[in-house]
Amino acid sequence: MRLDQVGLPGGILKVKLSGPLDIAGAGQVDAPFSAISSNNDKVIIDFKDVTFLASIGIRLLVKAARNIAKRNGRLVVFSPTDDARKVLRSTGIDSIVLVVADEAAAIATCG
């Protein structure tokens, strides 16, 4: 799992995840994700290159979203694959973590 991040105008942090968000992948990004959710109030996550989403990956997203929400911030996932979108929907996590179609929608939602 690879994690890249870039700051966008308006105090938004864009995080791009690439690879499987399984137990190994979640382990690789847990510490940086924790720091991101502790230090940023507007986070958008590019999910288009996430090749697999396991329950441990969902846990990571929920934990980050709750941490950011405590400060009245927002975490938004955008461009998930069809498989990832199905997992997010079927687990009900999309009621905690907002999922949108593309980066423009994610930015608009955080802005």
N, C-alpha and C. Protein backbone atom coordinates (compact mmCIF):
# COMPACT_ATOMS: atom_id res chain seq x y z
N MET A 1 0.85 -1.18 0.00
CA MET A 1 0.00 0.00 0.00
C MET A 1 0.89 1.23 0.00
N ARG A 2 0.59 2.12 -0.91
CA ARG A 2 1.33 3.37 -1.02
C ARG A 2 0.40 4.52 -0.63
N LEU A 3 0.93 5.48 0.10
CA LEU A 3 0.19 6.66 0.51
C LEU A 3 0.96 7.90 0.08
N ASP A 4 0.35 8.72 -0.74
CA ASP A 4 0.93 10.00 -1.14
C ASP A 4 -0.04 11.09 -0.71
N GLN A 5 0.51 12.24 -0.37
CA GLN A 5 -0.35 13.33 0.06
C GLN A 5 0.13 14.66 -0.51
N VAL A 6 -0.85 15.53 -0.75
CA VAL A 6 -0.55 16.86 -1.27
C VAL A 6 -1.58 17.84 -0.72
N GLY A 7 -1.11 19.01 -0.33
CA GLY A 7 -2.00 20.04 0.16
C GLY A 7 -2.68 20.76 -1.00
N LEU A 8 -3.95 21.04 -0.84
CA LEU A 8 -4.74 21.76 -1.84
C LEU A 8 -5.20 23.09 -1.24
N PRO A 9 -5.60 24.02 -2.09
CA PRO A 9 -6.14 25.29 -1.57
C PRO A 9 -7.32 25.04 -0.63
N GLY A 10 -7.50 25.96 0.30
CA GLY A 10 -8.61 25.86 1.24
C GLY A 10 -8.32 24.95 2.43
N GLY A 11 -7.05 24.60 2.62
CA GLY A 11 -6.69 23.76 3.76
C GLY A 11 -7.09 22.31 3.61
N ILE A 12 -7.30 21.87 2.37
CA ILE A 12 -7.69 20.48 2.11
C ILE A 12 -6.43 19.65 1.87
N LEU A 13 -6.37 18.50 2.48
CA LEU A 13 -5.27 17.56 2.23
C LEU A 13 -5.81 16.42 1.36
N LYS A 14 -5.16 16.21 0.23
CA LYS A 14 -5.53 15.11 -0.66
C LYS A 14 -4.58 13.94 -0.40
N VAL A 15 -5.16 12.79 -0.11
CA VAL A 15 -4.41 11.57 0.14
C VAL A 15 -4.73 10.59 -0.97
N LYS A 16 -3.71 10.04 -1.60
CA LYS A 16 -3.91 9.04 -2.66
C LYS A 16 -3.40 7.71 -2.13
N LEU A 17 -4.28 6.72 -2.12
CA LEU A 17 -3.92 5.37 -1.71
C LEU A 17 -3.81 4.50 -2.95
N SER A 18 -2.79 3.65 -2.98
CA SER A 18 -2.58 2.74 -4.12
C SER A 18 -2.22 1.36 -3.60
N GLY A 19 -2.94 0.35 -4.09
CA GLY A 19 -2.67 -1.03 -3.69
C GLY A 19 -3.79 -1.59 -2.84
N PRO A 20 -3.56 -2.77 -2.26
CA PRO A 20 -4.61 -3.41 -1.45
C PRO A 20 -4.66 -2.83 -0.03
N LEU A 21 -5.84 -2.49 0.40
CA LEU A 21 -6.04 -2.02 1.77
C LEU A 21 -6.51 -3.21 2.60
N ASP A 22 -5.61 -4.18 2.71
CA ASP A 22 -5.84 -5.39 3.48
C ASP A 22 -5.04 -5.28 4.77
N ILE A 23 -4.81 -6.38 5.47
CA ILE A 23 -4.11 -6.30 6.75
C ILE A 23 -2.69 -5.76 6.59
N ALA A 24 -1.99 -6.19 5.55
CA ALA A 24 -0.63 -5.70 5.31
C ALA A 24 -0.65 -4.23 4.90
N GLY A 25 -1.54 -3.88 3.98
CA GLY A 25 -1.63 -2.51 3.51
C GLY A 25 -2.05 -1.55 4.62
N ALA A 26 -3.02 -1.94 5.41
CA ALA A 26 -3.47 -1.10 6.53
C ALA A 26 -2.34 -0.91 7.53
N GLY A 27 -1.56 -1.95 7.75
CA GLY A 27 -0.42 -1.85 8.66
C GLY A 27 0.61 -0.84 8.17
N GLN A 28 0.79 -0.78 6.87
CA GLN A 28 1.77 0.15 6.28
C GLN A 28 1.33 1.60 6.39
N VAL A 29 0.04 1.85 6.33
CA VAL A 29 -0.43 3.25 6.33
C VAL A 29 -1.09 3.67 7.64
N ASP A 30 -1.13 2.80 8.63
CA ASP A 30 -1.81 3.12 9.89
C ASP A 30 -1.20 4.34 10.58
N ALA A 31 0.11 4.35 10.78
CA ALA A 31 0.75 5.47 11.47
C ALA A 31 0.62 6.78 10.69
N PRO A 32 0.94 6.80 9.38
CA PRO A 32 0.75 8.07 8.67
C PRO A 32 -0.72 8.52 8.62
N PHE A 33 -1.63 7.57 8.52
CA PHE A 33 -3.05 7.91 8.47
C PHE A 33 -3.50 8.50 9.81
N SER A 34 -2.99 7.97 10.89
CA SER A 34 -3.31 8.49 12.21
C SER A 34 -2.81 9.93 12.36
N ALA A 35 -1.60 10.19 11.88
CA ALA A 35 -1.05 11.55 11.93
C ALA A 35 -1.88 12.50 11.06
N ILE A 36 -2.26 12.03 9.89
CA ILE A 36 -3.07 12.85 8.98
C ILE A 36 -4.39 13.21 9.64
N SER A 37 -5.07 12.24 10.24
CA SER A 37 -6.38 12.51 10.84
C SER A 37 -6.28 13.32 12.12
N SER A 38 -5.11 13.35 12.74
CA SER A 38 -4.92 14.15 13.95
C SER A 38 -4.56 15.60 13.63
N ASN A 39 -4.02 15.83 12.44
CA ASN A 39 -3.48 17.15 12.11
C ASN A 39 -4.21 17.89 10.99
N ASN A 40 -5.27 17.29 10.44
CA ASN A 40 -5.98 17.91 9.33
C ASN A 40 -7.49 17.82 9.54
N ASP A 41 -8.19 18.89 9.18
CA ASP A 41 -9.64 18.92 9.36
C ASP A 41 -10.41 18.66 8.07
N LYS A 42 -9.73 18.78 6.93
CA LYS A 42 -10.37 18.54 5.63
C LYS A 42 -9.48 17.57 4.85
N VAL A 43 -9.94 16.34 4.73
CA VAL A 43 -9.15 15.31 4.07
C VAL A 43 -10.00 14.64 2.99
N ILE A 44 -9.44 14.58 1.79
CA ILE A 44 -10.09 13.84 0.71
C ILE A 44 -9.16 12.69 0.33
N ILE A 45 -9.73 11.52 0.10
CA ILE A 45 -8.94 10.33 -0.18
C ILE A 45 -9.27 9.79 -1.56
N ASP A 46 -8.26 9.77 -2.41
CA ASP A 46 -8.38 9.22 -3.76
C ASP A 46 -8.29 7.70 -3.65
N PHE A 47 -9.38 7.03 -3.99
CA PHE A 47 -9.50 5.59 -3.82
C PHE A 47 -9.44 4.83 -5.15
N LYS A 48 -9.17 5.54 -6.26
CA LYS A 48 -9.28 4.87 -7.56
C LYS A 48 -8.25 3.76 -7.76
N ASP A 49 -7.11 3.82 -7.05
CA ASP A 49 -6.08 2.79 -7.20
C ASP A 49 -6.04 1.80 -6.04
N VAL A 50 -7.09 1.79 -5.21
CA VAL A 50 -7.19 0.79 -4.14
C VAL A 50 -7.73 -0.48 -4.79
N THR A 51 -6.90 -1.52 -4.78
CA THR A 51 -7.23 -2.75 -5.51
C THR A 51 -8.04 -3.75 -4.69
N PHE A 52 -8.07 -3.58 -3.38
CA PHE A 52 -8.81 -4.49 -2.51
C PHE A 52 -9.11 -3.76 -1.22
N LEU A 53 -10.29 -3.93 -0.66
CA LEU A 53 -10.67 -3.28 0.58
C LEU A 53 -11.16 -4.33 1.56
N ALA A 54 -10.39 -4.54 2.62
CA ALA A 54 -10.75 -5.50 3.67
C ALA A 54 -11.32 -4.77 4.88
N SER A 55 -11.85 -5.52 5.82
CA SER A 55 -12.46 -4.93 7.01
C SER A 55 -11.47 -4.08 7.80
N ILE A 56 -10.21 -4.47 7.83
CA ILE A 56 -9.20 -3.68 8.55
C ILE A 56 -9.02 -2.32 7.88
N GLY A 57 -9.18 -2.26 6.57
CA GLY A 57 -9.11 -0.99 5.84
C GLY A 57 -10.30 -0.10 6.16
N ILE A 58 -11.46 -0.72 6.29
CA ILE A 58 -12.66 0.03 6.67
C ILE A 58 -12.49 0.61 8.07
N ARG A 59 -11.93 -0.19 8.96
CA ARG A 59 -11.68 0.27 10.33
C ARG A 59 -10.78 1.50 10.33
N LEU A 60 -9.75 1.48 9.50
CA LEU A 60 -8.83 2.60 9.37
C LEU A 60 -9.58 3.87 8.93
N LEU A 61 -10.45 3.74 7.95
CA LEU A 61 -11.23 4.88 7.46
C LEU A 61 -12.17 5.43 8.54
N VAL A 62 -12.86 4.53 9.22
CA VAL A 62 -13.81 4.95 10.26
C VAL A 62 -13.09 5.66 11.39
N LYS A 63 -11.98 5.10 11.82
CA LYS A 63 -11.19 5.70 12.90
C LYS A 63 -10.75 7.11 12.51
N ALA A 64 -10.25 7.28 11.30
CA ALA A 64 -9.81 8.59 10.83
C ALA A 64 -10.98 9.55 10.72
N ALA A 65 -12.09 9.10 10.16
CA ALA A 65 -13.27 9.96 9.99
C ALA A 65 -13.79 10.44 11.34
N ARG A 66 -13.83 9.57 12.31
CA ARG A 66 -14.31 9.96 13.65
C ARG A 66 -13.35 10.94 14.31
N ASN A 67 -12.07 10.71 14.13
CA ASN A 67 -11.06 11.61 14.71
C ASN A 67 -11.20 13.01 14.11
N ILE A 68 -11.37 13.08 12.81
CA ILE A 68 -11.53 14.37 12.13
C ILE A 68 -12.87 15.01 12.50
N ALA A 69 -13.91 14.23 12.60
CA ALA A 69 -15.25 14.76 12.93
C ALA A 69 -15.30 15.37 14.33
N LYS A 70 -14.46 14.90 15.24
CA LYS A 70 -14.42 15.47 16.60
C LYS A 70 -14.08 16.96 16.56
N ARG A 71 -13.38 17.37 15.51
CA ARG A 71 -12.99 18.77 15.36
C ARG A 71 -13.87 19.47 14.32
N ASN A 72 -15.02 18.88 14.04
CA ASN A 72 -15.96 19.41 13.04
C ASN A 72 -15.36 19.44 11.64
N GLY A 73 -14.43 18.54 11.39
CA GLY A 73 -13.84 18.42 10.07
C GLY A 73 -14.57 17.36 9.26
N ARG A 74 -14.00 17.05 8.09
CA ARG A 74 -14.65 16.09 7.21
C ARG A 74 -13.62 15.27 6.46
N LEU A 75 -13.90 13.97 6.36
CA LEU A 75 -13.12 13.06 5.54
C LEU A 75 -14.03 12.55 4.43
N VAL A 76 -13.55 12.64 3.19
CA VAL A 76 -14.35 12.23 2.03
C VAL A 76 -13.52 11.30 1.16
N VAL A 77 -14.10 10.19 0.76
CA VAL A 77 -13.47 9.25 -0.17
C VAL A 77 -14.04 9.53 -1.56
N PHE A 78 -13.15 9.55 -2.57
CA PHE A 78 -13.65 9.75 -3.92
C PHE A 78 -13.05 8.75 -4.91
N SER A 79 -13.78 8.53 -5.97
CA SER A 79 -13.38 7.65 -7.08
C SER A 79 -13.08 6.20 -6.67
N PRO A 80 -13.91 5.60 -5.80
CA PRO A 80 -13.63 4.19 -5.48
C PRO A 80 -13.96 3.30 -6.67
N THR A 81 -13.29 2.17 -6.74
CA THR A 81 -13.63 1.18 -7.75
C THR A 81 -15.03 0.65 -7.44
N ASP A 82 -15.63 -0.03 -8.39
CA ASP A 82 -16.96 -0.61 -8.15
C ASP A 82 -16.93 -1.57 -6.97
N ASP A 83 -15.89 -2.39 -6.88
CA ASP A 83 -15.78 -3.35 -5.78
C ASP A 83 -15.67 -2.64 -4.43
N ALA A 84 -14.83 -1.61 -4.37
CA ALA A 84 -14.67 -0.88 -3.11
C ALA A 84 -15.97 -0.17 -2.73
N ARG A 85 -16.64 0.40 -3.73
CA ARG A 85 -17.92 1.08 -3.45
C ARG A 85 -18.95 0.09 -2.89
N LYS A 86 -19.00 -1.12 -3.44
CA LYS A 86 -19.92 -2.14 -2.94
C LYS A 86 -19.62 -2.49 -1.49
N VAL A 87 -18.34 -2.63 -1.17
CA VAL A 87 -17.95 -2.94 0.21
C VAL A 87 -18.35 -1.80 1.14
N LEU A 88 -18.08 -0.58 0.74
CA LEU A 88 -18.43 0.57 1.58
C LEU A 88 -19.94 0.66 1.79
N ARG A 89 -20.70 0.39 0.74
CA ARG A 89 -22.16 0.43 0.83
C ARG A 89 -22.72 -0.71 1.67
N SER A 90 -22.24 -1.92 1.40
CA SER A 90 -22.80 -3.09 2.09
C SER A 90 -22.49 -3.12 3.58
N THR A 91 -21.40 -2.49 3.98
CA THR A 91 -21.05 -2.44 5.40
C THR A 91 -21.71 -1.26 6.11
N GLY A 92 -22.29 -0.34 5.33
CA GLY A 92 -22.92 0.83 5.93
C GLY A 92 -21.93 1.93 6.30
N ILE A 93 -20.68 1.75 5.97
CA ILE A 93 -19.66 2.72 6.31
C ILE A 93 -19.86 4.03 5.55
N ASP A 94 -20.52 3.96 4.41
CA ASP A 94 -20.75 5.18 3.64
C ASP A 94 -21.68 6.16 4.36
N SER A 95 -22.26 5.73 5.50
CA SER A 95 -23.03 6.66 6.32
C SER A 95 -22.12 7.43 7.28
N ILE A 96 -20.90 6.93 7.48
CA ILE A 96 -19.91 7.57 8.36
C ILE A 96 -18.88 8.31 7.52
N VAL A 97 -18.45 7.67 6.46
CA VAL A 97 -17.45 8.22 5.55
C VAL A 97 -18.16 8.56 4.25
N LEU A 98 -18.22 9.83 3.91
CA LEU A 98 -18.88 10.24 2.69
C LEU A 98 -18.09 9.75 1.48
N VAL A 99 -18.80 9.17 0.52
CA VAL A 99 -18.18 8.66 -0.71
C VAL A 99 -18.80 9.41 -1.88
N VAL A 100 -17.92 10.03 -2.70
CA VAL A 100 -18.39 10.80 -3.85
C VAL A 100 -17.69 10.32 -5.11
N ALA A 101 -18.18 10.78 -6.25
CA ALA A 101 -17.73 10.26 -7.55
C ALA A 101 -16.33 10.69 -7.94
N ASP A 102 -15.97 11.96 -7.66
CA ASP A 102 -14.69 12.44 -8.17
C ASP A 102 -14.07 13.51 -7.27
N GLU A 103 -12.86 13.93 -7.66
CA GLU A 103 -12.12 14.89 -6.84
C GLU A 103 -12.85 16.22 -6.70
N ALA A 104 -13.46 16.70 -7.77
CA ALA A 104 -14.18 17.97 -7.71
C ALA A 104 -15.30 17.92 -6.68
N ALA A 105 -16.03 16.82 -6.65
CA ALA A 105 -17.12 16.67 -5.67
C ALA A 105 -16.56 16.59 -4.25
N ALA A 106 -15.42 15.92 -4.09
CA ALA A 106 -14.79 15.80 -2.77
C ALA A 106 -14.35 17.17 -2.26
N ILE A 107 -13.74 17.96 -3.15
CA ILE A 107 -13.30 19.30 -2.78
C ILE A 107 -14.50 20.17 -2.43
N ALA A 108 -15.55 20.11 -3.22
CA ALA A 108 -16.75 20.90 -2.96
C ALA A 108 -17.38 20.52 -1.61
N THR A 109 -17.36 19.24 -1.30
CA THR A 109 -17.94 18.76 -0.04
C THR A 109 -17.12 19.24 1.16
N CYS A 110 -15.81 19.29 1.03
CA CYS A 110 -14.96 19.75 2.13
C CYS A 110 -14.90 21.26 2.22
N GLY A 111 -15.06 21.94 1.08
CA GLY A 111 -14.90 23.39 1.06
C GLY A 111 -16.02 24.06 1.75
